[in-house]
């Protein structure tokens, strides 16, 4: 994943937006110009979605460490108990 930047005109950006977004998703930044003037930039978000998901899973695993239902409790028992109400 490179940290490269390309420049495209606004018409090209509009015409090829899906392809440009795919490039941004892979780490590129894209400068958009109109009549030679810089008007916008497409950049990847800080901490992409995969990073946020990975962090959430890691935190859930940390939270459950050392947590047990107890000797007599099973998930089936808790489900049945919840159905009573």
C-alpha atoms as a PDB file:
ATOM      1  CA  UNK A   1       0.000   0.000   0.000  1.00  0.00           C
ATOM      2  CA  UNK A   2       1.644   3.123  -1.168  1.00  0.00           C
ATOM      3  CA  UNK A   3       1.291   6.661   0.060  1.00  0.00           C
ATOM      4  CA  UNK A   4       1.383   8.074  -3.473  1.00  0.00           C
ATOM      5  CA  UNK A   5      -0.760  10.930  -4.769  1.00  0.00           C
ATOM      6  CA  UNK A   6      -2.202  11.452  -8.213  1.00  0.00           C
ATOM      7  CA  UNK A   7      -3.987  14.472  -9.666  1.00  0.00           C
ATOM      8  CA  UNK A   8      -7.139  14.231 -11.757  1.00  0.00           C
ATOM      9  CA  UNK A   9      -9.518  16.763 -13.243  1.00  0.00           C
ATOM     10  CA  UNK A  10     -13.059  17.049 -11.916  1.00  0.00           C
ATOM     11  CA  UNK A  11     -14.588  15.523 -15.075  1.00  0.00           C
ATOM     12  CA  UNK A  12     -12.290  12.495 -14.852  1.00  0.00           C
ATOM     13  CA  UNK A  13     -13.027  12.196 -11.119  1.00  0.00           C
ATOM     14  CA  UNK A  14     -16.769  12.174 -11.815  1.00  0.00           C
ATOM     15  CA  UNK A  15     -16.425   9.709 -14.681  1.00  0.00           C
ATOM     16  CA  UNK A  16     -14.086   7.300 -12.876  1.00  0.00           C
ATOM     17  CA  UNK A  17     -15.160   7.760  -9.237  1.00  0.00           C
ATOM     18  CA  UNK A  18     -15.558   4.028  -8.418  1.00  0.00           C
ATOM     19  CA  UNK A  19     -12.043   3.253  -9.673  1.00  0.00           C
ATOM     20  CA  UNK A  20     -10.604   6.255  -7.833  1.00  0.00           C
ATOM     21  CA  UNK A  21     -12.302   5.204  -4.597  1.00  0.00           C
ATOM     22  CA  UNK A  22     -10.793   1.739  -4.983  1.00  0.00           C
ATOM     23  CA  UNK A  23      -7.339   3.313  -5.261  1.00  0.00           C
ATOM     24  CA  UNK A  24      -8.017   5.429  -2.152  1.00  0.00           C
ATOM     25  CA  UNK A  25      -9.122   2.285  -0.303  1.00  0.00           C
ATOM     26  CA  UNK A  26      -5.658   0.879  -1.059  1.00  0.00           C
ATOM     27  CA  UNK A  27      -3.884   3.862   0.488  1.00  0.00           C
ATOM     28  CA  UNK A  28      -3.513   6.404  -2.328  1.00  0.00           C
ATOM     29  CA  UNK A  29      -4.481  10.063  -2.073  1.00  0.00           C
ATOM     30  CA  UNK A  30      -6.066  11.775  -5.067  1.00  0.00           C
ATOM     31  CA  UNK A  31      -6.038  15.509  -5.683  1.00  0.00           C
ATOM     32  CA  UNK A  32      -8.986  16.778  -7.740  1.00  0.00           C
ATOM     33  CA  UNK A  33      -8.630  19.937  -9.801  1.00  0.00           C
ATOM     34  CA  UNK A  34     -11.028  22.122 -11.771  1.00  0.00           C
ATOM     35  CA  UNK A  35      -9.530  24.303 -14.495  1.00  0.00           C
ATOM     36  CA  UNK A  36      -6.099  23.677 -12.971  1.00  0.00           C
ATOM     37  CA  UNK A  37      -7.122  24.811  -9.480  1.00  0.00           C
ATOM     38  CA  UNK A  38      -7.057  22.380  -6.546  1.00  0.00           C
ATOM     39  CA  UNK A  39     -10.616  21.896  -5.290  1.00  0.00           C
ATOM     40  CA  UNK A  40     -10.698  18.632  -3.310  1.00  0.00           C
ATOM     41  CA  UNK A  41      -8.684  15.684  -2.129  1.00  0.00           C
ATOM     42  CA  UNK A  42      -9.702  12.066  -1.670  1.00  0.00           C
ATOM     43  CA  UNK A  43      -7.729  10.491   1.173  1.00  0.00           C
ATOM     44  CA  UNK A  44      -8.043   7.211   3.052  1.00  0.00           C
ATOM     45  CA  UNK A  45      -9.674   7.544   6.480  1.00  0.00           C
ATOM     46  CA  UNK A  46      -7.478   7.397   9.540  1.00  0.00           C
ATOM     47  CA  UNK A  47      -7.634   3.888  10.947  1.00  0.00           C
ATOM     48  CA  UNK A  48      -9.497   2.109   8.177  1.00  0.00           C
ATOM     49  CA  UNK A  49     -12.504  -0.139   8.726  1.00  0.00           C
ATOM     50  CA  UNK A  50     -10.403  -3.297   9.010  1.00  0.00           C
ATOM     51  CA  UNK A  51      -8.353  -1.699  11.776  1.00  0.00           C
ATOM     52  CA  UNK A  52     -11.496  -0.698  13.701  1.00  0.00           C
ATOM     53  CA  UNK A  53     -12.985  -4.190  13.371  1.00  0.00           C
ATOM     54  CA  UNK A  54      -9.718  -5.807  14.439  1.00  0.00           C
ATOM     55  CA  UNK A  55      -9.507  -3.512  17.478  1.00  0.00           C
ATOM     56  CA  UNK A  56     -13.119  -4.261  18.460  1.00  0.00           C
ATOM     57  CA  UNK A  57     -12.542  -8.028  18.285  1.00  0.00           C
ATOM     58  CA  UNK A  58      -9.331  -7.694  20.303  1.00  0.00           C
ATOM     59  CA  UNK A  59     -11.138  -5.675  22.989  1.00  0.00           C
ATOM     60  CA  UNK A  60     -13.980  -8.219  23.196  1.00  0.00           C
ATOM     61  CA  UNK A  61     -11.487 -11.040  23.645  1.00  0.00           C
ATOM     62  CA  UNK A  62      -9.719  -9.120  26.401  1.00  0.00           C
ATOM     63  CA  UNK A  63     -13.021  -8.456  28.183  1.00  0.00           C
ATOM     64  CA  UNK A  64     -14.012 -12.114  28.252  1.00  0.00           C
ATOM     65  CA  UNK A  65     -10.710 -13.371  29.675  1.00  0.00           C
ATOM     66  CA  UNK A  66     -11.316 -15.031  33.008  1.00  0.00           C
ATOM     67  CA  UNK A  67     -15.105 -14.758  32.705  1.00  0.00           C
ATOM     68  CA  UNK A  68     -16.980 -18.022  33.173  1.00  0.00           C
ATOM     69  CA  UNK A  69     -20.597 -18.978  33.638  1.00  0.00           C
ATOM     70  CA  UNK A  70     -19.848 -20.988  36.733  1.00  0.00           C
ATOM     71  CA  UNK A  71     -19.768 -24.719  37.431  1.00  0.00           C
ATOM     72  CA  UNK A  72     -23.532 -25.390  37.244  1.00  0.00           C
ATOM     73  CA  UNK A  73     -24.512 -22.884  34.553  1.00  0.00           C
ATOM     74  CA  UNK A  74     -24.672 -23.574  30.870  1.00  0.00           C
ATOM     75  CA  UNK A  75     -25.722 -21.349  28.035  1.00  0.00           C
ATOM     76  CA  UNK A  76     -28.702 -23.660  27.468  1.00  0.00           C
ATOM     77  CA  UNK A  77     -29.802 -23.116  31.085  1.00  0.00           C
ATOM     78  CA  UNK A  78     -29.577 -19.337  30.696  1.00  0.00           C
ATOM     79  CA  UNK A  79     -31.575 -19.442  27.456  1.00  0.00           C
ATOM     80  CA  UNK A  80     -34.316 -21.490  29.076  1.00  0.00           C
ATOM     81  CA  UNK A  81     -34.344 -19.193  32.098  1.00  0.00           C
ATOM     82  CA  UNK A  82     -34.742 -16.172  29.824  1.00  0.00           C
ATOM     83  CA  UNK A  83     -37.700 -17.771  28.049  1.00  0.00           C
ATOM     84  CA  UNK A  84     -39.620 -17.992  31.292  1.00  0.00           C
ATOM     85  CA  UNK A  85     -40.121 -14.227  31.401  1.00  0.00           C
END
